[in-house]
Amino acid sequence: MVRKQRFISFIPPLIQALHTGRKTQTRRLQGLDGINQDPDHWVPLHAAVTLDTTGQLGVAFQHLETGDRQWLPCPYGGPGSHLWVKEPWSSLLEQHEDGVERHCVAYEGTPRVGIRTPGCLGAVDHIRYLDEDTDLSEHYFGWPLRWRASRYMPRRFSRFTLTLTQVRVEQLHEISEEDARAEGIQVCRDDWSRHGDFDETLSDRDLFEVLWEHINGAHPWDTNPFVWVLSFKVCQANIDALPQQDSTSAAGQRENVESLTRPLPLPATGRAQP
């Protein structure tokens, strides 16, 4: 069965968090633009994604004043869905000891640059990581690596696959300290400590606010937008190298989604409770 080609992108520090197993959540805005024009006047009728009558995964919202409802499909799927990861990368020629030049792919978002020969789909042990003392400018024929934006990464070069375990919707300010840690914020804390000064007393949640503003400046923290909260397991392999049995059937996905649905009846005030 052919998997849907859903993908997701991360900046280098968060790629490091995936690589070390310290990131198991992400919050995304895609598909919620209409609601987020005035998020304080909308409320989700259920937290986790559910299936509508056509089998589409999403969340229903209700306007607090007019009572109008909108069904918003989730662009990432639901529990059991796979997402292949895009990240900053570079292509280059590497000269081996046998004198043969081979096209390779380099990955920026790891503690040290990782190099892989294209076509080696599989686990990360196909990728070798350079030593700290490697001079990239000299090692690669006098040219420093020029990183390409993650959006240009071909699927065949991806080295991480996420399997969603839960998908829900909530407003940004509902994130807890535990959720902030699941976002991989500790890796960002370590990275920022090495490269600049910042307030070490900030909580994980406060640091996530800084990270959010850095990535999503068009939707500032203070506007408290609705976000998709994606919880996942990380597989360090290309999505096309996963065993076919890892692909979730439609019936299995329906069962997963329904078991994780948490209906939220509207209270007297008209606002859903976390």
C-alpha atoms as a PDB file:
ATOM      1  CA  MET A   1       0.000   0.000   0.000  1.00  0.00           C
ATOM      2  CA  VAL A   2       1.394   3.439  -0.934  1.00  0.00           C
ATOM      3  CA  ARG A   3       1.705   5.787   2.018  1.00  0.00           C
ATOM      4  CA  LYS A   4       0.371   9.305   1.782  1.00  0.00           C
ATOM      5  CA  GLN A   5       3.265  11.700   1.272  1.00  0.00           C
ATOM      6  CA  ARG A   6       2.750  13.837   4.352  1.00  0.00           C
ATOM      7  CA  PHE A   7       5.881  15.602   5.544  1.00  0.00           C
ATOM      8  CA  ILE A   8       6.930  17.924   8.331  1.00  0.00           C
ATOM      9  CA  SER A   9       9.938  20.262   8.699  1.00  0.00           C
ATOM     10  CA  PHE A  10      12.156  21.100  11.685  1.00  0.00           C
ATOM     11  CA  ILE A  11      14.958  23.580  12.376  1.00  0.00           C
ATOM     12  CA  PRO A  12      18.425  22.152  13.248  1.00  0.00           C
ATOM     13  CA  PRO A  13      18.172  22.275  17.087  1.00  0.00           C
ATOM     14  CA  LEU A  14      14.903  20.328  16.934  1.00  0.00           C
ATOM     15  CA  ILE A  15      16.456  17.827  14.521  1.00  0.00           C
ATOM     16  CA  GLN A  16      19.068  17.281  17.237  1.00  0.00           C
ATOM     17  CA  ALA A  17      16.240  16.673  19.712  1.00  0.00           C
ATOM     18  CA  LEU A  18      14.711  14.072  17.365  1.00  0.00           C
ATOM     19  CA  HIS A  19      18.130  12.478  16.915  1.00  0.00           C
ATOM     20  CA  THR A  20      18.657  12.113  20.679  1.00  0.00           C
ATOM     21  CA  GLY A  21      15.086  11.002  21.403  1.00  0.00           C
ATOM     22  CA  ARG A  22      14.223  14.125  23.402  1.00  0.00           C
ATOM     23  CA  LYS A  23      11.455  15.427  21.149  1.00  0.00           C
ATOM     24  CA  THR A  24       8.126  13.589  21.063  1.00  0.00           C
ATOM     25  CA  GLN A  25       5.708  16.487  20.468  1.00  0.00           C
ATOM     26  CA  THR A  26       5.291  19.375  18.058  1.00  0.00           C
ATOM     27  CA  ARG A  27       2.715  22.168  17.722  1.00  0.00           C
ATOM     28  CA  ARG A  28       1.605  23.324  14.274  1.00  0.00           C
ATOM     29  CA  LEU A  29      -0.668  26.033  12.829  1.00  0.00           C
ATOM     30  CA  GLN A  30      -1.371  24.672   9.356  1.00  0.00           C
ATOM     31  CA  GLY A  31      -5.057  24.570   8.450  1.00  0.00           C
ATOM     32  CA  LEU A  32      -6.203  26.719  11.400  1.00  0.00           C
ATOM     33  CA  ASP A  33      -5.808  30.165   9.809  1.00  0.00           C
ATOM     34  CA  GLY A  34      -9.510  31.013   9.704  1.00  0.00           C
ATOM     35  CA  ILE A  35     -10.102  30.161  13.354  1.00  0.00           C
ATOM     36  CA  ASN A  36      -6.934  31.952  14.430  1.00  0.00           C
ATOM     37  CA  GLN A  37      -8.082  35.266  13.001  1.00  0.00           C
ATOM     38  CA  ASP A  38     -10.149  35.491  16.197  1.00  0.00           C
ATOM     39  CA  PRO A  39      -9.234  32.510  18.394  1.00  0.00           C
ATOM     40  CA  ASP A  40     -10.913  33.829  21.555  1.00  0.00           C
ATOM     41  CA  HIS A  41     -14.345  33.545  19.913  1.00  0.00           C
ATOM     42  CA  TRP A  42     -14.047  29.890  18.889  1.00  0.00           C
ATOM     43  CA  VAL A  43     -14.080  26.696  20.911  1.00  0.00           C
ATOM     44  CA  PRO A  44     -13.317  23.104  19.825  1.00  0.00           C
ATOM     45  CA  LEU A  45     -16.168  20.689  20.442  1.00  0.00           C
ATOM     46  CA  HIS A  46     -13.650  17.883  21.046  1.00  0.00           C
ATOM     47  CA  ALA A  47      -9.933  17.901  21.752  1.00  0.00           C
ATOM     48  CA  ALA A  48      -8.651  14.901  19.792  1.00  0.00           C
ATOM     49  CA  VAL A  49      -9.202  14.500  16.058  1.00  0.00           C
ATOM     50  CA  THR A  50     -12.309  12.522  15.096  1.00  0.00           C
ATOM     51  CA  LEU A  51     -13.654  11.063  11.885  1.00  0.00           C
ATOM     52  CA  ASP A  52     -16.549  12.786  10.142  1.00  0.00           C
ATOM     53  CA  THR A  53     -19.178  10.948   8.110  1.00  0.00           C
ATOM     54  CA  THR A  54     -16.871  10.881   5.070  1.00  0.00           C
ATOM     55  CA  GLY A  55     -13.980   9.370   7.039  1.00  0.00           C
ATOM     56  CA  GLN A  56     -12.002  12.612   7.163  1.00  0.00           C
ATOM     57  CA  LEU A  57      -9.975  13.363  10.287  1.00  0.00           C
ATOM     58  CA  GLY A  58     -10.389  16.729  11.945  1.00  0.00           C
ATOM     59  CA  VAL A  59     -11.946  18.847  14.689  1.00  0.00           C
ATOM     60  CA  ALA A  60     -15.251  20.730  14.833  1.00  0.00           C
ATOM     61  CA  PHE A  61     -15.224  24.303  16.179  1.00  0.00           C
ATOM     62  CA  GLN A  62     -18.170  26.399  17.353  1.00  0.00           C
ATOM     63  CA  HIS A  63     -18.376  30.184  17.454  1.00  0.00           C
ATOM     64  CA  LEU A  64     -19.201  31.358  20.978  1.00  0.00           C
ATOM     65  CA  GLU A  65     -21.516  34.200  19.873  1.00  0.00           C
ATOM     66  CA  THR A  66     -23.206  33.037  16.675  1.00  0.00           C
ATOM     67  CA  GLY A  67     -23.192  29.291  17.324  1.00  0.00           C
ATOM     68  CA  ASP A  68     -21.813  28.685  13.811  1.00  0.00           C
ATOM     69  CA  ARG A  69     -19.753  25.534  13.396  1.00  0.00           C
ATOM     70  CA  GLN A  70     -16.751  24.749  11.233  1.00  0.00           C
ATOM     71  CA  TRP A  71     -15.172  21.388  10.549  1.00  0.00           C
ATOM     72  CA  LEU A  72     -11.409  21.680  10.031  1.00  0.00           C
ATOM     73  CA  PRO A  73      -9.528  18.684   8.617  1.00  0.00           C
ATOM     74  CA  CYS A  74      -6.160  17.890  10.146  1.00  0.00           C
ATOM     75  CA  PRO A  75      -3.425  18.095   7.470  1.00  0.00           C
ATOM     76  CA  TYR A  76      -1.252  15.616   9.384  1.00  0.00           C
ATOM     77  CA  GLY A  77      -3.678  12.710   9.698  1.00  0.00           C
ATOM     78  CA  GLY A  78      -4.315  10.918  12.976  1.00  0.00           C
ATOM     79  CA  PRO A  79      -2.872   8.219  15.221  1.00  0.00           C
ATOM     80  CA  GLY A  80      -0.932   5.739  13.104  1.00  0.00           C
ATOM     81  CA  SER A  81      -0.142   8.214  10.316  1.00  0.00           C
ATOM     82  CA  HIS A  82       3.461   8.564   9.146  1.00  0.00           C
ATOM     83  CA  LEU A  83       5.241  11.872   8.495  1.00  0.00           C
ATOM     84  CA  TRP A  84       8.621  12.037   6.779  1.00  0.00           C
ATOM     85  CA  VAL A  85      10.930  14.721   8.097  1.00  0.00           C
ATOM     86  CA  LYS A  86      12.500  17.543   6.092  1.00  0.00           C
ATOM     87  CA  GLU A  87      15.572  19.356   7.425  1.00  0.00           C
ATOM     88  CA  PRO A  88      18.396  21.653   6.228  1.00  0.00           C
ATOM     89  CA  TRP A  89      20.694  19.656   3.954  1.00  0.00           C
ATOM     90  CA  SER A  90      23.371  19.920   1.312  1.00  0.00           C
ATOM     91  CA  SER A  91      24.521  17.831  -1.632  1.00  0.00           C
ATOM     92  CA  LEU A  92      28.216  17.483  -2.382  1.00  0.00           C
ATOM     93  CA  LEU A  93      30.905  15.392  -4.014  1.00  0.00           C
ATOM     94  CA  GLU A  94      33.129  13.397  -1.698  1.00  0.00           C
ATOM     95  CA  GLN A  95      36.388  11.818  -2.814  1.00  0.00           C
ATOM     96  CA  HIS A  96      36.989   8.363  -1.349  1.00  0.00           C
ATOM     97  CA  GLU A  97      40.272   6.530  -0.795  1.00  0.00           C
ATOM     98  CA  ASP A  98      39.765   4.530  -4.003  1.00  0.00           C
ATOM     99  CA  GLY A  99      39.849   7.810  -5.912  1.00  0.00           C
ATOM    100  CA  VAL A 100      36.165   7.644  -6.843  1.00  0.00           C
ATOM    101  CA  GLU A 101      34.029  10.748  -6.318  1.00  0.00           C
ATOM    102  CA  ARG A 102      30.554  10.007  -5.011  1.00  0.00           C
ATOM    103  CA  HIS A 103      27.548  12.276  -4.640  1.00  0.00           C
ATOM    104  CA  CYS A 104      26.623  12.515  -0.967  1.00  0.00           C
ATOM    105  CA  VAL A 105      24.059  14.221   1.243  1.00  0.00           C
ATOM    106  CA  ALA A 106      25.038  16.190   4.356  1.00  0.00           C
ATOM    107  CA  TYR A 107      22.678  16.942   7.251  1.00  0.00           C
ATOM    108  CA  GLU A 108      23.141  20.070   9.348  1.00  0.00           C
ATOM    109  CA  GLY A 109      20.802  19.285  12.215  1.00  0.00           C
ATOM    110  CA  THR A 110      22.903  16.905  14.291  1.00  0.00           C
ATOM    111  CA  PRO A 111      25.593  17.444  16.934  1.00  0.00           C
ATOM    112  CA  ARG A 112      28.089  17.006  14.089  1.00  0.00           C
ATOM    113  CA  VAL A 113      27.431  16.960  10.352  1.00  0.00           C
ATOM    114  CA  GLY A 114      26.207  13.600   9.091  1.00  0.00           C
ATOM    115  CA  ILE A 115      27.084  12.331   5.611  1.00  0.00           C
ATOM    116  CA  ARG A 116      25.234   9.681   3.608  1.00  0.00           C
ATOM    117  CA  THR A 117      25.496   8.349   0.078  1.00  0.00           C
ATOM    118  CA  PRO A 118      22.074   8.718  -1.633  1.00  0.00           C
ATOM    119  CA  GLY A 119      20.230   5.489  -2.252  1.00  0.00           C
ATOM    120  CA  CYS A 120      21.149   4.005   1.126  1.00  0.00           C
ATOM    121  CA  LEU A 121      17.621   4.084   2.479  1.00  0.00           C
ATOM    122  CA  GLY A 122      17.430   2.580   5.911  1.00  0.00           C
ATOM    123  CA  ALA A 123      18.473   3.100   9.514  1.00  0.00           C
ATOM    124  CA  VAL A 124      20.816   5.871  10.607  1.00  0.00           C
ATOM    125  CA  ASP A 125      23.757   3.500  10.887  1.00  0.00           C
ATOM    126  CA  HIS A 126      24.108   4.120   7.143  1.00  0.00           C
ATOM    127  CA  ILE A 127      25.029   7.709   8.058  1.00  0.00           C
ATOM    128  CA  ARG A 128      28.475   8.515   9.420  1.00  0.00           C
ATOM    129  CA  TYR A 129      29.046  11.532  11.602  1.00  0.00           C
ATOM    130  CA  LEU A 130      32.179  13.622  11.230  1.00  0.00           C
ATOM    131  CA  ASP A 131      34.690  14.098  14.018  1.00  0.00           C
ATOM    132  CA  GLU A 132      34.781  17.412  15.851  1.00  0.00           C
ATOM    133  CA  ASP A 133      38.210  18.241  14.403  1.00  0.00           C
ATOM    134  CA  THR A 134      37.146  17.757  10.770  1.00  0.00           C
ATOM    135  CA  ASP A 135      37.761  20.944   8.773  1.00  0.00           C
ATOM    136  CA  LEU A 136      34.780  21.036   6.429  1.00  0.00           C
ATOM    137  CA  SER A 137      36.207  23.754   4.193  1.00  0.00           C
ATOM    138  CA  GLU A 138      39.407  21.786   3.490  1.00  0.00           C
ATOM    139  CA  HIS A 139      37.796  18.363   3.522  1.00  0.00           C
ATOM    140  CA  TYR A 140      35.406  19.298   0.745  1.00  0.00           C
ATOM    141  CA  PHE A 141      37.769  20.710  -1.885  1.00  0.00           C
ATOM    142  CA  GLY A 142      38.040  24.139  -0.321  1.00  0.00           C
ATOM    143  CA  TRP A 143      34.293  24.881  -0.416  1.00  0.00           C
ATOM    144  CA  PRO A 144      32.330  25.185   2.831  1.00  0.00           C
ATOM    145  CA  LEU A 145      29.014  23.395   2.956  1.00  0.00           C
ATOM    146  CA  ARG A 146      26.117  25.535   1.759  1.00  0.00           C
ATOM    147  CA  TRP A 147      22.958  24.450   3.524  1.00  0.00           C
ATOM    148  CA  ARG A 148      19.742  24.275   1.520  1.00  0.00           C
ATOM    149  CA  ALA A 149      16.372  25.051   3.082  1.00  0.00           C
ATOM    150  CA  SER A 150      14.451  22.066   4.403  1.00  0.00           C
ATOM    151  CA  ARG A 151      11.551  22.699   2.013  1.00  0.00           C
ATOM    152  CA  TYR A 152      13.773  21.614  -0.891  1.00  0.00           C
ATOM    153  CA  MET A 153      14.699  18.230   0.593  1.00  0.00           C
ATOM    154  CA  PRO A 154      13.621  15.289  -1.598  1.00  0.00           C
ATOM    155  CA  ARG A 155      11.756  12.501   0.113  1.00  0.00           C
ATOM    156  CA  ARG A 156      14.496   9.976  -0.684  1.00  0.00           C
ATOM    157  CA  PHE A 157      17.020  11.970   1.415  1.00  0.00           C
ATOM    158  CA  SER A 158      14.865  12.026   4.567  1.00  0.00           C
ATOM    159  CA  ARG A 159      16.338  10.114   7.514  1.00  0.00           C
ATOM    160  CA  PHE A 160      13.579  10.411  10.155  1.00  0.00           C
ATOM    161  CA  THR A 161       9.981   9.155  10.092  1.00  0.00           C
ATOM    162  CA  LEU A 162       7.410  10.122  12.734  1.00  0.00           C
ATOM    163  CA  THR A 163       4.512   7.841  13.628  1.00  0.00           C
ATOM    164  CA  LEU A 164       1.705   9.814  15.246  1.00  0.00           C
ATOM    165  CA  THR A 165       0.379   8.439  18.523  1.00  0.00           C
ATOM    166  CA  GLN A 166      -2.066  11.241  19.357  1.00  0.00           C
ATOM    167  CA  VAL A 167      -3.387  14.343  17.582  1.00  0.00           C
ATOM    168  CA  ARG A 168      -5.379  16.973  19.423  1.00  0.00           C
ATOM    169  CA  VAL A 169      -6.133  20.686  19.201  1.00  0.00           C
ATOM    170  CA  GLU A 170      -5.636  23.264  21.927  1.00  0.00           C
ATOM    171  CA  GLN A 171      -4.682  26.893  22.397  1.00  0.00           C
ATOM    172  CA  LEU A 172      -1.002  27.643  22.600  1.00  0.00           C
ATOM    173  CA  HIS A 173      -0.993  28.877  26.203  1.00  0.00           C
ATOM    174  CA  GLU A 174      -2.287  25.511  27.421  1.00  0.00           C
ATOM    175  CA  ILE A 175       1.180  23.983  27.032  1.00  0.00           C
ATOM    176  CA  SER A 176       2.532  22.626  30.323  1.00  0.00           C
ATOM    177  CA  GLU A 177       6.111  22.321  31.587  1.00  0.00           C
ATOM    178  CA  GLU A 178       6.001  18.613  30.747  1.00  0.00           C
ATOM    179  CA  ASP A 179       4.773  19.341  27.225  1.00  0.00           C
ATOM    180  CA  ALA A 180       7.534  21.929  26.750  1.00  0.00           C
ATOM    181  CA  ARG A 181      10.112  19.281  27.628  1.00  0.00           C
ATOM    182  CA  ALA A 182       8.453  16.887  25.168  1.00  0.00           C
ATOM    183  CA  GLU A 183       8.930  19.623  22.535  1.00  0.00           C
ATOM    184  CA  GLY A 184      12.697  19.116  22.943  1.00  0.00           C
ATOM    185  CA  ILE A 185      13.275  22.480  24.572  1.00  0.00           C
ATOM    186  CA  GLN A 186      16.197  21.193  26.660  1.00  0.00           C
ATOM    187  CA  VAL A 187      18.245  20.677  23.491  1.00  0.00           C
ATOM    188  CA  CYS A 188      17.492  24.284  22.532  1.00  0.00           C
ATOM    189  CA  ARG A 189      18.535  25.399  26.017  1.00  0.00           C
ATOM    190  CA  ASP A 190      21.873  23.619  25.613  1.00  0.00           C
ATOM    191  CA  ASP A 191      22.353  25.055  22.116  1.00  0.00           C
ATOM    192  CA  TRP A 192      21.587  28.612  23.192  1.00  0.00           C
ATOM    193  CA  SER A 193      23.913  28.263  26.183  1.00  0.00           C
ATOM    194  CA  ARG A 194      26.788  27.410  23.846  1.00  0.00           C
ATOM    195  CA  HIS A 195      26.141  30.198  21.341  1.00  0.00           C
ATOM    196  CA  GLY A 196      24.974  33.174  23.340  1.00  0.00           C
ATOM    197  CA  ASP A 197      23.687  34.674  26.564  1.00  0.00           C
ATOM    198  CA  PHE A 198      20.139  34.161  27.732  1.00  0.00           C
ATOM    199  CA  ASP A 199      18.321  33.995  31.039  1.00  0.00           C
ATOM    200  CA  GLU A 200      19.177  30.619  32.597  1.00  0.00           C
ATOM    201  CA  THR A 201      16.327  31.021  35.104  1.00  0.00           C
ATOM    202  CA  LEU A 202      13.635  30.749  32.425  1.00  0.00           C
ATOM    203  CA  SER A 203      11.364  27.739  32.802  1.00  0.00           C
ATOM    204  CA  ASP A 204      10.977  25.199  30.011  1.00  0.00           C
ATOM    205  CA  ARG A 205       7.589  26.711  29.196  1.00  0.00           C
ATOM    206  CA  ASP A 206       9.098  30.216  29.021  1.00  0.00           C
ATOM    207  CA  LEU A 207      11.857  28.926  26.736  1.00  0.00           C
ATOM    208  CA  PHE A 208       9.241  27.363  24.490  1.00  0.00           C
ATOM    209  CA  GLU A 209       7.639  30.811  24.196  1.00  0.00           C
ATOM    210  CA  VAL A 210      11.009  32.175  22.985  1.00  0.00           C
ATOM    211  CA  LEU A 211      11.319  29.308  20.495  1.00  0.00           C
ATOM    212  CA  TRP A 212       7.752  29.832  19.262  1.00  0.00           C
ATOM    213  CA  GLU A 213       8.356  33.540  18.621  1.00  0.00           C
ATOM    214  CA  HIS A 214      11.542  32.667  16.725  1.00  0.00           C
ATOM    215  CA  ILE A 215       9.794  30.191  14.406  1.00  0.00           C
ATOM    216  CA  ASN A 216       6.247  31.594  14.187  1.00  0.00           C
ATOM    217  CA  GLY A 217       6.638  35.347  14.342  1.00  0.00           C
ATOM    218  CA  ALA A 218       3.546  35.844  12.165  1.00  0.00           C
ATOM    219  CA  HIS A 219       1.441  34.251  14.920  1.00  0.00           C
ATOM    220  CA  PRO A 220       2.893  35.717  18.125  1.00  0.00           C
ATOM    221  CA  TRP A 221       2.609  33.939  21.452  1.00  0.00           C
ATOM    222  CA  ASP A 222       0.383  36.690  22.850  1.00  0.00           C
ATOM    223  CA  THR A 223      -2.381  35.986  20.307  1.00  0.00           C
ATOM    224  CA  ASN A 224      -2.774  32.493  21.833  1.00  0.00           C
ATOM    225  CA  PRO A 225      -3.681  30.735  18.565  1.00  0.00           C
ATOM    226  CA  PHE A 226      -5.114  27.246  18.267  1.00  0.00           C
ATOM    227  CA  VAL A 227      -2.537  24.622  17.311  1.00  0.00           C
ATOM    228  CA  TRP A 228      -2.457  20.978  16.349  1.00  0.00           C
ATOM    229  CA  VAL A 229      -0.586  19.072  19.055  1.00  0.00           C
ATOM    230  CA  LEU A 230       1.143  16.088  17.459  1.00  0.00           C
ATOM    231  CA  SER A 231       2.560  13.379  19.723  1.00  0.00           C
ATOM    232  CA  PHE A 232       4.747  10.833  17.974  1.00  0.00           C
ATOM    233  CA  LYS A 233       7.332   8.083  18.027  1.00  0.00           C
ATOM    234  CA  VAL A 234      10.565   8.673  16.110  1.00  0.00           C
ATOM    235  CA  CYS A 235      11.998   6.103  13.721  1.00  0.00           C
ATOM    236  CA  GLN A 236      15.479   6.950  12.448  1.00  0.00           C
ATOM    237  CA  ALA A 237      14.849   5.617   8.957  1.00  0.00           C
ATOM    238  CA  ASN A 238      13.527   6.805   5.623  1.00  0.00           C
ATOM    239  CA  ILE A 239       9.764   6.365   5.320  1.00  0.00           C
ATOM    240  CA  ASP A 240      10.155   4.160   2.233  1.00  0.00           C
ATOM    241  CA  ALA A 241      12.424   1.805   4.189  1.00  0.00           C
ATOM    242  CA  LEU A 242       9.786   1.062   6.829  1.00  0.00           C
ATOM    243  CA  PRO A 243       8.227  -2.419   6.787  1.00  0.00           C
ATOM    244  CA  GLN A 244       4.854  -2.478   5.078  1.00  0.00           C
ATOM    245  CA  GLN A 245       3.211  -3.762   8.257  1.00  0.00           C
ATOM    246  CA  ASP A 246       4.081  -0.434   9.879  1.00  0.00           C
ATOM    247  CA  SER A 247       1.534   1.227   7.598  1.00  0.00           C
ATOM    248  CA  THR A 248      -1.767   1.615   9.432  1.00  0.00           C
ATOM    249  CA  SER A 249      -4.907   0.466   7.637  1.00  0.00           C
ATOM    250  CA  ALA A 250      -7.940   2.704   7.411  1.00  0.00           C
ATOM    251  CA  ALA A 251      -9.867   0.433   9.770  1.00  0.00           C
ATOM    252  CA  GLY A 252      -6.982   0.395  12.247  1.00  0.00           C
ATOM    253  CA  GLN A 253      -6.653   4.151  12.087  1.00  0.00           C
ATOM    254  CA  ARG A 254     -10.384   4.547  12.728  1.00  0.00           C
ATOM    255  CA  GLU A 255     -10.036   2.364  15.832  1.00  0.00           C
ATOM    256  CA  ASN A 256      -7.001   4.341  17.032  1.00  0.00           C
ATOM    257  CA  VAL A 257      -8.722   7.680  16.513  1.00  0.00           C
ATOM    258  CA  GLU A 258     -11.967   6.693  18.185  1.00  0.00           C
ATOM    259  CA  SER A 259     -10.139   5.267  21.202  1.00  0.00           C
ATOM    260  CA  LEU A 260      -8.249   8.557  21.699  1.00  0.00           C
ATOM    261  CA  THR A 261     -11.210  10.905  21.194  1.00  0.00           C
ATOM    262  CA  ARG A 262     -12.082  12.937  24.264  1.00  0.00           C
ATOM    263  CA  PRO A 263     -15.442  14.692  23.800  1.00  0.00           C
ATOM    264  CA  LEU A 264     -15.612  18.098  25.448  1.00  0.00           C
ATOM    265  CA  PRO A 265     -19.223  19.186  26.086  1.00  0.00           C
ATOM    266  CA  LEU A 266     -19.653  22.938  26.212  1.00  0.00           C
ATOM    267  CA  PRO A 267     -20.044  24.268  29.789  1.00  0.00           C
ATOM    268  CA  ALA A 268     -22.513  26.992  30.699  1.00  0.00           C
ATOM    269  CA  THR A 269     -19.967  29.699  29.873  1.00  0.00           C
ATOM    270  CA  GLY A 270     -19.598  28.325  26.355  1.00  0.00           C
ATOM    271  CA  ARG A 271     -15.841  27.702  26.666  1.00  0.00           C
ATOM    272  CA  ALA A 272     -14.263  24.308  26.635  1.00  0.00           C
ATOM    273  CA  GLN A 273     -12.121  23.338  29.593  1.00  0.00           C
ATOM    274  CA  PRO A 274      -8.592  21.953  29.178  1.00  0.00           C
END
